[in-house]
Amino acid sequence: AETDGKAFPQTAGVALPVQEAATQEDIKTETVADIVQSLPSFTETQADDLVLPSLHMANRELRRAKNHVQKWERVCAALRELNKHRDIVRQIVDSSS
């Protein structure tokens, strides 16, 4: 995966834990109409007409969301590393106070 030179590089295909088992089922059974109605940009009305966002805007939002996920994946990777060395981290914190 791509890194921006900060924090920890991420490996491709990092799996994120699913909050609840039903989530996967919900995603499968959700219709396009349900998805569209859940997005504020799709539900904004103008003169009682449904206003659809442009493909460009949708792709931009998708890119932003993916970048957001990558940042949190880097935070999780950093925390995983820190947790492996809790004793050292604790010593550093204790010695600085």
N, C-alpha and C. Protein backbone atom coordinates (compact mmCIF):
# COMPACT_ATOMS: atom_id res chain seq x y z
N ALA A 1 0.85 -1.20 0.00
CA ALA A 1 0.00 0.00 0.00
C ALA A 1 0.88 1.24 0.00
N GLU A 2 0.27 2.34 -0.28
CA GLU A 2 0.99 3.60 -0.41
C GLU A 2 1.19 4.23 0.96
N THR A 3 2.37 4.86 1.15
CA THR A 3 2.58 5.61 2.38
C THR A 3 2.97 7.02 2.02
N ASP A 4 2.74 7.95 2.92
CA ASP A 4 3.10 9.34 2.66
C ASP A 4 4.39 9.68 3.40
N GLY A 5 5.14 8.65 3.80
CA GLY A 5 6.41 8.87 4.47
C GLY A 5 6.28 9.12 5.96
N LYS A 6 5.08 9.10 6.48
CA LYS A 6 4.86 9.35 7.91
C LYS A 6 4.51 8.05 8.61
N ALA A 7 4.82 8.00 9.87
CA ALA A 7 4.43 6.90 10.76
C ALA A 7 4.86 5.54 10.21
N PHE A 8 3.97 4.59 10.23
CA PHE A 8 4.31 3.22 9.86
C PHE A 8 3.75 2.87 8.49
N PRO A 9 4.55 2.22 7.64
CA PRO A 9 4.01 1.79 6.34
C PRO A 9 2.96 0.72 6.55
N GLN A 10 1.97 0.71 5.72
CA GLN A 10 0.89 -0.27 5.85
C GLN A 10 1.03 -1.35 4.80
N THR A 11 0.74 -2.58 5.18
CA THR A 11 0.74 -3.66 4.21
C THR A 11 -0.61 -3.68 3.52
N ALA A 12 -0.62 -4.21 2.31
CA ALA A 12 -1.86 -4.26 1.55
C ALA A 12 -2.83 -5.23 2.21
N GLY A 13 -4.11 -4.91 2.13
CA GLY A 13 -5.14 -5.82 2.61
C GLY A 13 -5.26 -5.91 4.12
N VAL A 14 -5.04 -4.83 4.82
CA VAL A 14 -5.22 -4.85 6.28
C VAL A 14 -6.71 -4.98 6.57
N ALA A 15 -7.07 -6.00 7.31
CA ALA A 15 -8.49 -6.23 7.61
C ALA A 15 -8.89 -5.46 8.85
N LEU A 16 -10.00 -4.78 8.76
CA LEU A 16 -10.52 -4.07 9.92
C LEU A 16 -11.58 -4.93 10.58
N PRO A 17 -11.61 -4.99 11.90
CA PRO A 17 -12.62 -5.82 12.58
C PRO A 17 -14.02 -5.27 12.34
N VAL A 18 -14.95 -6.17 12.13
CA VAL A 18 -16.34 -5.78 11.93
C VAL A 18 -16.96 -5.59 13.31
N GLN A 19 -17.66 -4.48 13.52
CA GLN A 19 -18.21 -4.17 14.84
C GLN A 19 -19.19 -5.23 15.31
N GLU A 20 -20.04 -5.68 14.41
CA GLU A 20 -21.01 -6.70 14.80
C GLU A 20 -21.24 -7.62 13.62
N ALA A 21 -21.59 -8.87 13.90
CA ALA A 21 -21.75 -9.87 12.85
C ALA A 21 -22.84 -9.48 11.86
N ALA A 22 -23.87 -8.80 12.32
CA ALA A 22 -24.99 -8.44 11.45
C ALA A 22 -24.59 -7.43 10.38
N THR A 23 -23.50 -6.72 10.60
CA THR A 23 -23.09 -5.66 9.67
C THR A 23 -22.92 -6.21 8.25
N GLN A 24 -22.25 -7.34 8.11
CA GLN A 24 -22.04 -7.92 6.78
C GLN A 24 -23.38 -8.24 6.11
N GLU A 25 -24.30 -8.80 6.86
CA GLU A 25 -25.63 -9.12 6.33
C GLU A 25 -26.36 -7.85 5.90
N ASP A 26 -26.29 -6.82 6.74
CA ASP A 26 -26.96 -5.56 6.43
C ASP A 26 -26.46 -4.98 5.13
N ILE A 27 -25.15 -5.06 4.93
CA ILE A 27 -24.56 -4.49 3.72
C ILE A 27 -25.09 -5.23 2.49
N LYS A 28 -25.18 -6.56 2.57
CA LYS A 28 -25.64 -7.36 1.43
C LYS A 28 -27.09 -7.07 1.08
N THR A 29 -27.93 -6.87 2.09
CA THR A 29 -29.36 -6.70 1.83
C THR A 29 -29.75 -5.25 1.59
N GLU A 30 -28.83 -4.32 1.80
CA GLU A 30 -29.14 -2.91 1.60
C GLU A 30 -29.29 -2.64 0.10
N THR A 31 -30.36 -1.98 -0.28
CA THR A 31 -30.57 -1.69 -1.69
C THR A 31 -29.88 -0.39 -2.06
N VAL A 32 -29.74 -0.17 -3.34
CA VAL A 32 -29.14 1.08 -3.82
C VAL A 32 -29.95 2.26 -3.30
N ALA A 33 -31.27 2.13 -3.28
CA ALA A 33 -32.13 3.21 -2.79
C ALA A 33 -31.82 3.52 -1.33
N ASP A 34 -31.61 2.47 -0.52
CA ASP A 34 -31.26 2.68 0.89
C ASP A 34 -29.95 3.45 1.02
N ILE A 35 -28.97 3.04 0.22
CA ILE A 35 -27.66 3.69 0.26
C ILE A 35 -27.79 5.15 -0.15
N VAL A 36 -28.50 5.39 -1.26
CA VAL A 36 -28.67 6.75 -1.77
C VAL A 36 -29.36 7.63 -0.74
N GLN A 37 -30.42 7.11 -0.10
CA GLN A 37 -31.16 7.90 0.88
C GLN A 37 -30.33 8.20 2.13
N SER A 38 -29.34 7.36 2.42
CA SER A 38 -28.52 7.57 3.61
C SER A 38 -27.45 8.64 3.42
N LEU A 39 -27.21 9.03 2.18
CA LEU A 39 -26.18 10.04 1.90
C LEU A 39 -26.82 11.42 1.80
N PRO A 40 -26.38 12.36 2.64
CA PRO A 40 -27.00 13.69 2.65
C PRO A 40 -26.99 14.37 1.28
N SER A 41 -25.91 14.20 0.52
CA SER A 41 -25.82 14.87 -0.78
C SER A 41 -26.88 14.36 -1.75
N PHE A 42 -27.35 13.12 -1.55
CA PHE A 42 -28.40 12.57 -2.41
C PHE A 42 -29.78 13.04 -1.98
N THR A 43 -29.94 13.34 -0.71
CA THR A 43 -31.27 13.67 -0.20
C THR A 43 -31.57 15.16 -0.21
N GLU A 44 -30.56 15.98 -0.53
CA GLU A 44 -30.83 17.42 -0.63
C GLU A 44 -31.75 17.64 -1.82
N THR A 45 -32.77 18.43 -1.61
CA THR A 45 -33.70 18.66 -2.72
C THR A 45 -33.61 20.10 -3.18
N GLN A 46 -33.89 20.27 -4.44
CA GLN A 46 -33.89 21.60 -5.03
C GLN A 46 -35.12 21.67 -5.92
N ALA A 47 -36.04 22.51 -5.56
CA ALA A 47 -37.31 22.62 -6.29
C ALA A 47 -37.99 21.25 -6.40
N ASP A 48 -38.01 20.53 -5.28
CA ASP A 48 -38.64 19.20 -5.18
C ASP A 48 -38.05 18.14 -6.11
N ASP A 49 -36.86 18.39 -6.64
CA ASP A 49 -36.20 17.39 -7.47
C ASP A 49 -35.04 16.79 -6.69
N LEU A 50 -34.77 15.53 -6.96
CA LEU A 50 -33.64 14.86 -6.33
C LEU A 50 -32.36 15.34 -7.00
N VAL A 51 -31.41 15.80 -6.20
CA VAL A 51 -30.15 16.29 -6.75
C VAL A 51 -29.08 15.24 -6.52
N LEU A 52 -28.52 14.72 -7.60
CA LEU A 52 -27.47 13.71 -7.49
C LEU A 52 -26.11 14.38 -7.55
N PRO A 53 -25.18 13.93 -6.72
CA PRO A 53 -23.83 14.50 -6.81
C PRO A 53 -23.16 14.03 -8.09
N SER A 54 -22.19 14.79 -8.54
CA SER A 54 -21.47 14.38 -9.75
C SER A 54 -20.58 13.19 -9.43
N LEU A 55 -20.21 12.46 -10.47
CA LEU A 55 -19.30 11.34 -10.31
C LEU A 55 -17.97 11.84 -9.75
N HIS A 56 -17.55 13.01 -10.21
CA HIS A 56 -16.30 13.62 -9.73
C HIS A 56 -16.37 13.83 -8.22
N MET A 57 -17.48 14.37 -7.74
CA MET A 57 -17.62 14.62 -6.30
C MET A 57 -17.66 13.30 -5.52
N ALA A 58 -18.38 12.32 -6.04
CA ALA A 58 -18.47 11.02 -5.37
C ALA A 58 -17.09 10.38 -5.27
N ASN A 59 -16.31 10.45 -6.35
CA ASN A 59 -14.96 9.88 -6.33
C ASN A 59 -14.06 10.63 -5.36
N ARG A 60 -14.23 11.96 -5.29
CA ARG A 60 -13.43 12.77 -4.36
C ARG A 60 -13.74 12.36 -2.92
N GLU A 61 -15.03 12.19 -2.61
CA GLU A 61 -15.42 11.78 -1.26
C GLU A 61 -14.89 10.38 -0.94
N LEU A 62 -14.92 9.50 -1.92
CA LEU A 62 -14.40 8.14 -1.73
C LEU A 62 -12.91 8.18 -1.43
N ARG A 63 -12.17 9.01 -2.18
CA ARG A 63 -10.73 9.17 -1.94
C ARG A 63 -10.46 9.69 -0.54
N ARG A 64 -11.25 10.70 -0.13
CA ARG A 64 -11.08 11.27 1.22
C ARG A 64 -11.33 10.20 2.28
N ALA A 65 -12.38 9.40 2.08
CA ALA A 65 -12.71 8.35 3.05
C ALA A 65 -11.58 7.31 3.12
N LYS A 66 -11.05 6.93 1.96
CA LYS A 66 -9.96 5.95 1.94
C LYS A 66 -8.72 6.50 2.64
N ASN A 67 -8.42 7.78 2.42
CA ASN A 67 -7.27 8.40 3.09
C ASN A 67 -7.48 8.42 4.59
N HIS A 68 -8.72 8.69 5.00
CA HIS A 68 -9.07 8.72 6.42
C HIS A 68 -8.84 7.33 7.04
N VAL A 69 -9.27 6.29 6.32
CA VAL A 69 -9.08 4.92 6.79
C VAL A 69 -7.59 4.60 6.89
N GLN A 70 -6.80 5.02 5.88
CA GLN A 70 -5.36 4.76 5.91
C GLN A 70 -4.70 5.43 7.11
N LYS A 71 -5.12 6.64 7.42
CA LYS A 71 -4.55 7.33 8.59
C LYS A 71 -4.83 6.55 9.86
N TRP A 72 -6.08 6.07 10.01
CA TRP A 72 -6.43 5.31 11.22
C TRP A 72 -5.72 3.97 11.25
N GLU A 73 -5.47 3.36 10.06
CA GLU A 73 -4.72 2.11 10.02
C GLU A 73 -3.29 2.34 10.51
N ARG A 74 -2.70 3.50 10.15
CA ARG A 74 -1.35 3.83 10.63
C ARG A 74 -1.35 4.05 12.14
N VAL A 75 -2.40 4.70 12.65
CA VAL A 75 -2.51 4.90 14.10
C VAL A 75 -2.59 3.53 14.79
N CYS A 76 -3.41 2.64 14.26
CA CYS A 76 -3.55 1.30 14.85
C CYS A 76 -2.22 0.55 14.81
N ALA A 77 -1.50 0.64 13.70
CA ALA A 77 -0.20 -0.04 13.58
C ALA A 77 0.78 0.51 14.61
N ALA A 78 0.78 1.84 14.79
CA ALA A 78 1.67 2.46 15.77
C ALA A 78 1.32 2.00 17.18
N LEU A 79 0.03 1.97 17.49
CA LEU A 79 -0.41 1.53 18.82
C LEU A 79 -0.08 0.06 19.06
N ARG A 80 -0.21 -0.76 18.00
CA ARG A 80 0.15 -2.18 18.13
C ARG A 80 1.62 -2.32 18.51
N GLU A 81 2.48 -1.55 17.82
CA GLU A 81 3.92 -1.58 18.13
C GLU A 81 4.19 -1.11 19.55
N LEU A 82 3.55 -0.01 19.94
CA LEU A 82 3.75 0.51 21.30
C LEU A 82 3.29 -0.51 22.34
N ASN A 83 2.19 -1.18 22.07
CA ASN A 83 1.67 -2.17 23.02
C ASN A 83 2.60 -3.37 23.17
N LYS A 84 3.37 -3.68 22.11
CA LYS A 84 4.33 -4.78 22.19
C LYS A 84 5.45 -4.44 23.17
N HIS A 85 5.68 -3.15 23.37
CA HIS A 85 6.79 -2.70 24.21
C HIS A 85 6.29 -1.82 25.34
N ARG A 86 5.20 -2.24 25.97
CA ARG A 86 4.58 -1.45 27.05
C ARG A 86 5.56 -1.11 28.16
N ASP A 87 6.39 -2.09 28.54
CA ASP A 87 7.33 -1.87 29.65
C ASP A 87 8.30 -0.74 29.34
N ILE A 88 8.81 -0.70 28.11
CA ILE A 88 9.75 0.36 27.72
C ILE A 88 9.03 1.71 27.70
N VAL A 89 7.83 1.73 27.14
CA VAL A 89 7.05 2.98 27.09
C VAL A 89 6.79 3.48 28.51
N ARG A 90 6.43 2.57 29.40
CA ARG A 90 6.15 2.95 30.79
C ARG A 90 7.40 3.54 31.44
N GLN A 91 8.57 2.95 31.19
CA GLN A 91 9.83 3.46 31.75
C GLN A 91 10.11 4.88 31.24
N ILE A 92 9.88 5.10 29.96
CA ILE A 92 10.11 6.42 29.37
C ILE A 92 9.19 7.44 30.02
N VAL A 93 7.91 7.09 30.14
CA VAL A 93 6.93 8.00 30.74
C VAL A 93 7.28 8.28 32.20
N ASP A 94 7.63 7.23 32.94
CA ASP A 94 7.96 7.39 34.36
C ASP A 94 9.21 8.24 34.56
N SER A 95 10.21 8.05 33.69
CA SER A 95 11.46 8.80 33.86
C SER A 95 11.31 10.27 33.49
N SER A 96 10.32 10.58 32.65
CA SER A 96 10.13 11.99 32.25
C SER A 96 9.29 12.78 33.24
N SER A 97 8.63 12.09 34.17
CA SER A 97 7.78 12.81 35.14
C SER A 97 8.45 12.99 36.48
